[in-house]
Structure formats: C-alpha cells, structure tokens
Amino acid sequence: MLKWFSIRGIITEIKRIRWSSPKELAKDSATVIIFTAAFALFFLACTAFNAWFLTDLLGV
C-alpha cells in the first residue's frame, strides 16, 4: 500500500504544502482578474471588428 494513502500520510502531505499568504493571494487574484478583463476586451474588439468588416465592407 502507498505510504501517503492513510490519514497520517495525508496529514504529513498537507503540512508540506506551502500556503499563500493573504497578500500573495490578493496579488495573484488581481493579476488573474486583470488578464481576464484584458482578454475579454480583446475578444470583444475582435468580434466588433469582424461584425463591422462583414456588414459594412462586404455587405454580408
């Protein structure tokens, strides 16, 4: 049987985890939110450009 496949092994593994501090967590969360918003704006701009291109220039 695997060594970590017991309650004692699981507790030992949990103690080895390096948990993020609240400051690091806030920084990383802000980074994710900013990049998500940037990608959303990028895809919105691409969609708007494609809609404009297809309707106004090509008349589709």
PDB file of N, CA and C in Angstrom:
ATOM      1  N   MET A   1       0.845  -1.172   0.000  1.00  0.00           N
ATOM      2  CA  MET A   1       0.000   0.000   0.000  1.00  0.00           C
ATOM      3  C   MET A   1       0.898   1.246   0.000  1.00  0.00           C
ATOM      4  N   LEU A   2       0.423   2.300  -0.637  1.00  0.00           N
ATOM      5  CA  LEU A   2       1.201   3.530  -0.700  1.00  0.00           C
ATOM      6  C   LEU A   2       1.322   4.168   0.678  1.00  0.00           C
ATOM      7  N   LYS A   3       2.468   4.793   0.913  1.00  0.00           N
ATOM      8  CA  LYS A   3       2.748   5.371   2.223  1.00  0.00           C
ATOM      9  C   LYS A   3       1.802   6.529   2.558  1.00  0.00           C
ATOM     10  N   TRP A   4       1.483   7.340   1.559  1.00  0.00           N
ATOM     11  CA  TRP A   4       0.658   8.510   1.815  1.00  0.00           C
ATOM     12  C   TRP A   4      -0.823   8.168   1.840  1.00  0.00           C
ATOM     13  N   PHE A   5      -1.176   6.938   1.538  1.00  0.00           N
ATOM     14  CA  PHE A   5      -2.580   6.552   1.451  1.00  0.00           C
ATOM     15  C   PHE A   5      -3.113   6.140   2.821  1.00  0.00           C
ATOM     16  N   SER A   6      -2.977   7.034   3.782  1.00  0.00           N
ATOM     17  CA  SER A   6      -3.513   6.837   5.127  1.00  0.00           C
ATOM     18  C   SER A   6      -3.742   8.218   5.720  1.00  0.00           C
ATOM     19  N   ILE A   7      -4.461   8.275   6.802  1.00  0.00           N
ATOM     20  CA  ILE A   7      -4.735   9.563   7.438  1.00  0.00           C
ATOM     21  C   ILE A   7      -3.435  10.241   7.863  1.00  0.00           C
ATOM     22  N   ARG A   8      -2.526   9.499   8.444  1.00  0.00           N
ATOM     23  CA  ARG A   8      -1.245  10.069   8.880  1.00  0.00           C
ATOM     24  C   ARG A   8      -0.441  10.577   7.677  1.00  0.00           C
ATOM     25  N   GLY A   9      -0.435   9.819   6.589  1.00  0.00           N
ATOM     26  CA  GLY A   9       0.280  10.242   5.387  1.00  0.00           C
ATOM     27  C   GLY A   9      -0.331  11.482   4.767  1.00  0.00           C
ATOM     28  N   ILE A  10      -1.662  11.552   4.770  1.00  0.00           N
ATOM     29  CA  ILE A  10      -2.345  12.725   4.218  1.00  0.00           C
ATOM     30  C   ILE A  10      -2.031  13.960   5.056  1.00  0.00           C
ATOM     31  N   ILE A  11      -2.056  13.826   6.370  1.00  0.00           N
ATOM     32  CA  ILE A  11      -1.746  14.957   7.252  1.00  0.00           C
ATOM     33  C   ILE A  11      -0.307  15.418   7.038  1.00  0.00           C
ATOM     34  N   THR A  12       0.604  14.484   6.871  1.00  0.00           N
ATOM     35  CA  THR A  12       2.003  14.832   6.602  1.00  0.00           C
ATOM     36  C   THR A  12       2.127  15.607   5.295  1.00  0.00           C
ATOM     37  N   GLU A  13       1.422  15.161   4.263  1.00  0.00           N
ATOM     38  CA  GLU A  13       1.477  15.855   2.975  1.00  0.00           C
ATOM     39  C   GLU A  13       0.862  17.244   3.069  1.00  0.00           C
ATOM     40  N   ILE A  14      -0.228  17.383   3.815  1.00  0.00           N
ATOM     41  CA  ILE A  14      -0.861  18.697   3.974  1.00  0.00           C
ATOM     42  C   ILE A  14       0.087  19.666   4.677  1.00  0.00           C
ATOM     43  N   LYS A  15       0.851  19.180   5.639  1.00  0.00           N
ATOM     44  CA  LYS A  15       1.807  20.042   6.341  1.00  0.00           C
ATOM     45  C   LYS A  15       2.944  20.492   5.433  1.00  0.00           C
ATOM     46  N   ARG A  16       3.232  19.747   4.375  1.00  0.00           N
ATOM     47  CA  ARG A  16       4.307  20.117   3.442  1.00  0.00           C
ATOM     48  C   ARG A  16       3.880  21.205   2.463  1.00  0.00           C
ATOM     49  N   ILE A  17       2.587  21.415   2.338  1.00  0.00           N
ATOM     50  CA  ILE A  17       2.081  22.401   1.380  1.00  0.00           C
ATOM     51  C   ILE A  17       2.484  23.796   1.829  1.00  0.00           C
ATOM     52  N   ARG A  18       2.941  24.601   0.874  1.00  0.00           N
ATOM     53  CA  ARG A  18       3.272  25.995   1.150  1.00  0.00           C
ATOM     54  C   ARG A  18       2.052  26.828   0.780  1.00  0.00           C
ATOM     55  N   TRP A  19       1.315  27.250   1.791  1.00  0.00           N
ATOM     56  CA  TRP A  19       0.103  28.014   1.554  1.00  0.00           C
ATOM     57  C   TRP A  19       0.463  29.469   1.269  1.00  0.00           C
ATOM     58  N   SER A  20      -0.269  30.101   0.386  1.00  0.00           N
ATOM     59  CA  SER A  20      -0.028  31.502   0.045  1.00  0.00           C
ATOM     60  C   SER A  20      -0.477  32.402   1.187  1.00  0.00           C
ATOM     61  N   SER A  21       0.252  33.505   1.339  1.00  0.00           N
ATOM     62  CA  SER A  21      -0.157  34.497   2.334  1.00  0.00           C
ATOM     63  C   SER A  21      -1.327  35.295   1.752  1.00  0.00           C
ATOM     64  N   PRO A  22      -2.098  35.969   2.590  1.00  0.00           N
ATOM     65  CA  PRO A  22      -3.205  36.778   2.070  1.00  0.00           C
ATOM     66  C   PRO A  22      -2.739  37.841   1.074  1.00  0.00           C
ATOM     67  N   LYS A  23      -1.547  38.393   1.297  1.00  0.00           N
ATOM     68  CA  LYS A  23      -1.015  39.410   0.380  1.00  0.00           C
ATOM     69  C   LYS A  23      -0.729  38.794  -0.992  1.00  0.00           C
ATOM     70  N   GLU A  24      -0.097  37.615  -1.004  1.00  0.00           N
ATOM     71  CA  GLU A  24       0.182  36.924  -2.269  1.00  0.00           C
ATOM     72  C   GLU A  24      -1.110  36.517  -2.964  1.00  0.00           C
ATOM     73  N   LEU A  25      -2.076  36.058  -2.187  1.00  0.00           N
ATOM     74  CA  LEU A  25      -3.352  35.639  -2.742  1.00  0.00           C
ATOM     75  C   LEU A  25      -4.070  36.813  -3.397  1.00  0.00           C
ATOM     76  N   ALA A  26      -4.055  37.978  -2.746  1.00  0.00           N
ATOM     77  CA  ALA A  26      -4.685  39.170  -3.309  1.00  0.00           C
ATOM     78  C   ALA A  26      -3.978  39.601  -4.589  1.00  0.00           C
ATOM     79  N   LYS A  27      -2.654  39.568  -4.588  1.00  0.00           N
ATOM     80  CA  LYS A  27      -1.879  39.956  -5.777  1.00  0.00           C
ATOM     81  C   LYS A  27      -2.166  39.018  -6.942  1.00  0.00           C
ATOM     82  N   ASP A  28      -2.146  37.721  -6.677  1.00  0.00           N
ATOM     83  CA  ASP A  28      -2.399  36.747  -7.738  1.00  0.00           C
ATOM     84  C   ASP A  28      -3.835  36.836  -8.251  1.00  0.00           C
ATOM     85  N   SER A  29      -4.788  37.070  -7.349  1.00  0.00           N
ATOM     86  CA  SER A  29      -6.183  37.215  -7.763  1.00  0.00           C
ATOM     87  C   SER A  29      -6.361  38.451  -8.638  1.00  0.00           C
ATOM     88  N   ALA A  30      -5.717  39.551  -8.260  1.00  0.00           N
ATOM     89  CA  ALA A  30      -5.798  40.771  -9.064  1.00  0.00           C
ATOM     90  C   ALA A  30      -5.195  40.549 -10.445  1.00  0.00           C
ATOM     91  N   THR A  31      -4.092  39.823 -10.513  1.00  0.00           N
ATOM     92  CA  THR A  31      -3.467  39.524 -11.801  1.00  0.00           C
ATOM     93  C   THR A  31      -4.409  38.720 -12.687  1.00  0.00           C
ATOM     94  N   VAL A  32      -5.052  37.722 -12.116  1.00  0.00           N
ATOM     95  CA  VAL A  32      -5.986  36.894 -12.888  1.00  0.00           C
ATOM     96  C   VAL A  32      -7.160  37.730 -13.379  1.00  0.00           C
ATOM     97  N   ILE A  33      -7.703  38.581 -12.522  1.00  0.00           N
ATOM     98  CA  ILE A  33      -8.849  39.412 -12.909  1.00  0.00           C
ATOM     99  C   ILE A  33      -8.456  40.390 -14.007  1.00  0.00           C
ATOM    100  N   ILE A  34      -7.284  41.007 -13.896  1.00  0.00           N
ATOM    101  CA  ILE A  34      -6.829  41.970 -14.911  1.00  0.00           C
ATOM    102  C   ILE A  34      -6.618  41.282 -16.255  1.00  0.00           C
ATOM    103  N   PHE A  35      -5.953  40.129 -16.261  1.00  0.00           N
ATOM    104  CA  PHE A  35      -5.726  39.423 -17.518  1.00  0.00           C
ATOM    105  C   PHE A  35      -7.032  38.918 -18.119  1.00  0.00           C
ATOM    106  N   THR A  36      -7.960  38.467 -17.287  1.00  0.00           N
ATOM    107  CA  THR A  36      -9.259  38.023 -17.787  1.00  0.00           C
ATOM    108  C   THR A  36     -10.004  39.183 -18.433  1.00  0.00           C
ATOM    109  N   ALA A  37      -9.978  40.343 -17.795  1.00  0.00           N
ATOM    110  CA  ALA A  37     -10.629  41.523 -18.362  1.00  0.00           C
ATOM    111  C   ALA A  37      -9.953  41.948 -19.664  1.00  0.00           C
ATOM    112  N   ALA A  38      -8.629  41.885 -19.710  1.00  0.00           N
ATOM    113  CA  ALA A  38      -7.906  42.258 -20.930  1.00  0.00           C
ATOM    114  C   ALA A  38      -8.256  41.321 -22.080  1.00  0.00           C
ATOM    115  N   PHE A  39      -8.297  40.019 -21.817  1.00  0.00           N
ATOM    116  CA  PHE A  39      -8.670  39.075 -22.866  1.00  0.00           C
ATOM    117  C   PHE A  39     -10.120  39.267 -23.286  1.00  0.00           C
ATOM    118  N   ALA A  40     -11.006  39.573 -22.335  1.00  0.00           N
ATOM    119  CA  ALA A  40     -12.408  39.821 -22.677  1.00  0.00           C
ATOM    120  C   ALA A  40     -12.522  41.027 -23.602  1.00  0.00           C
ATOM    121  N   LEU A  41     -11.791  42.094 -23.290  1.00  0.00           N
ATOM    122  CA  LEU A  41     -11.810  43.278 -24.155  1.00  0.00           C
ATOM    123  C   LEU A  41     -11.218  42.976 -25.527  1.00  0.00           C
ATOM    124  N   PHE A  42     -10.164  42.185 -25.566  1.00  0.00           N
ATOM    125  CA  PHE A  42      -9.555  41.814 -26.839  1.00  0.00           C
ATOM    126  C   PHE A  42     -10.539  41.042 -27.709  1.00  0.00           C
ATOM    127  N   PHE A  43     -11.195  40.036 -27.129  1.00  0.00           N
ATOM    128  CA  PHE A  43     -12.140  39.244 -27.913  1.00  0.00           C
ATOM    129  C   PHE A  43     -13.375  40.059 -28.294  1.00  0.00           C
ATOM    130  N   LEU A  44     -13.789  40.977 -27.440  1.00  0.00           N
ATOM    131  CA  LEU A  44     -14.893  41.870 -27.779  1.00  0.00           C
ATOM    132  C   LEU A  44     -14.511  42.757 -28.959  1.00  0.00           C
ATOM    133  N   ALA A  45     -13.294  43.283 -28.947  1.00  0.00           N
ATOM    134  CA  ALA A  45     -12.822  44.117 -30.054  1.00  0.00           C
ATOM    135  C   ALA A  45     -12.725  43.302 -31.343  1.00  0.00           C
ATOM    136  N   CYS A  46     -12.247  42.077 -31.258  1.00  0.00           N
ATOM    137  CA  CYS A  46     -12.171  41.211 -32.445  1.00  0.00           C
ATOM    138  C   CYS A  46     -13.554  40.924 -33.004  1.00  0.00           C
ATOM    139  N   THR A  47     -14.508  40.650 -32.135  1.00  0.00           N
ATOM    140  CA  THR A  47     -15.873  40.376 -32.571  1.00  0.00           C
ATOM    141  C   THR A  47     -16.490  41.615 -33.207  1.00  0.00           C
ATOM    142  N   ALA A  48     -16.284  42.775 -32.596  1.00  0.00           N
ATOM    143  CA  ALA A  48     -16.821  44.019 -33.147  1.00  0.00           C
ATOM    144  C   ALA A  48     -16.191  44.326 -34.502  1.00  0.00           C
ATOM    145  N   PHE A  49     -14.889  44.111 -34.625  1.00  0.00           N
ATOM    146  CA  PHE A  49     -14.225  44.346 -35.905  1.00  0.00           C
ATOM    147  C   PHE A  49     -14.761  43.408 -36.976  1.00  0.00           C
ATOM    148  N   ASN A  50     -14.908  42.135 -36.642  1.00  0.00           N
ATOM    149  CA  ASN A  50     -15.437  41.179 -37.619  1.00  0.00           C
ATOM    150  C   ASN A  50     -16.858  41.535 -38.028  1.00  0.00           C
ATOM    151  N   ALA A  51     -17.680  41.957 -37.080  1.00  0.00           N
ATOM    152  CA  ALA A  51     -19.051  42.353 -37.403  1.00  0.00           C
ATOM    153  C   ALA A  51     -19.043  43.572 -38.319  1.00  0.00           C
ATOM    154  N   TRP A  52     -18.217  44.558 -37.996  1.00  0.00           N
ATOM    155  CA  TRP A  52     -18.118  45.753 -38.841  1.00  0.00           C
ATOM    156  C   TRP A  52     -17.600  45.390 -40.228  1.00  0.00           C
ATOM    157  N   PHE A  53     -16.566  44.565 -40.280  1.00  0.00           N
ATOM    158  CA  PHE A  53     -15.964  44.176 -41.555  1.00  0.00           C
ATOM    159  C   PHE A  53     -16.967  43.445 -42.433  1.00  0.00           C
ATOM    160  N   LEU A  54     -17.694  42.519 -41.860  1.00  0.00           N
ATOM    161  CA  LEU A  54     -18.635  41.724 -42.651  1.00  0.00           C
ATOM    162  C   LEU A  54     -19.852  42.526 -43.083  1.00  0.00           C
ATOM    163  N   THR A  55     -20.353  43.417 -42.236  1.00  0.00           N
ATOM    164  CA  THR A  55     -21.571  44.150 -42.584  1.00  0.00           C
ATOM    165  C   THR A  55     -21.293  45.382 -43.435  1.00  0.00           C
ATOM    166  N   ASP A  56     -20.356  46.200 -43.063  1.00  0.00           N
ATOM    167  CA  ASP A  56     -20.132  47.460 -43.768  1.00  0.00           C
ATOM    168  C   ASP A  56     -19.274  47.307 -45.019  1.00  0.00           C
ATOM    169  N   LEU A  57     -18.227  46.540 -44.953  1.00  0.00           N
ATOM    170  CA  LEU A  57     -17.329  46.439 -46.096  1.00  0.00           C
ATOM    171  C   LEU A  57     -17.763  45.373 -47.097  1.00  0.00           C
ATOM    172  N   LEU A  58     -18.204  44.247 -46.609  1.00  0.00           N
ATOM    173  CA  LEU A  58     -18.579  43.159 -47.513  1.00  0.00           C
ATOM    174  C   LEU A  58     -20.076  43.112 -47.788  1.00  0.00           C
ATOM    175  N   GLY A  59     -20.861  43.763 -46.963  1.00  0.00           N
ATOM    176  CA  GLY A  59     -22.304  43.783 -47.159  1.00  0.00           C
ATOM    177  C   GLY A  59     -22.970  42.437 -46.934  1.00  0.00           C
ATOM    178  N   VAL A  60     -22.398  41.642 -46.084  1.00  0.00           N
ATOM    179  CA  VAL A  60     -22.967  40.313 -45.816  1.00  0.00           C
ATOM    180  C   VAL A  60     -24.034  40.420 -44.763  1.00  0.00           C
TER     181      VAL A  60
END
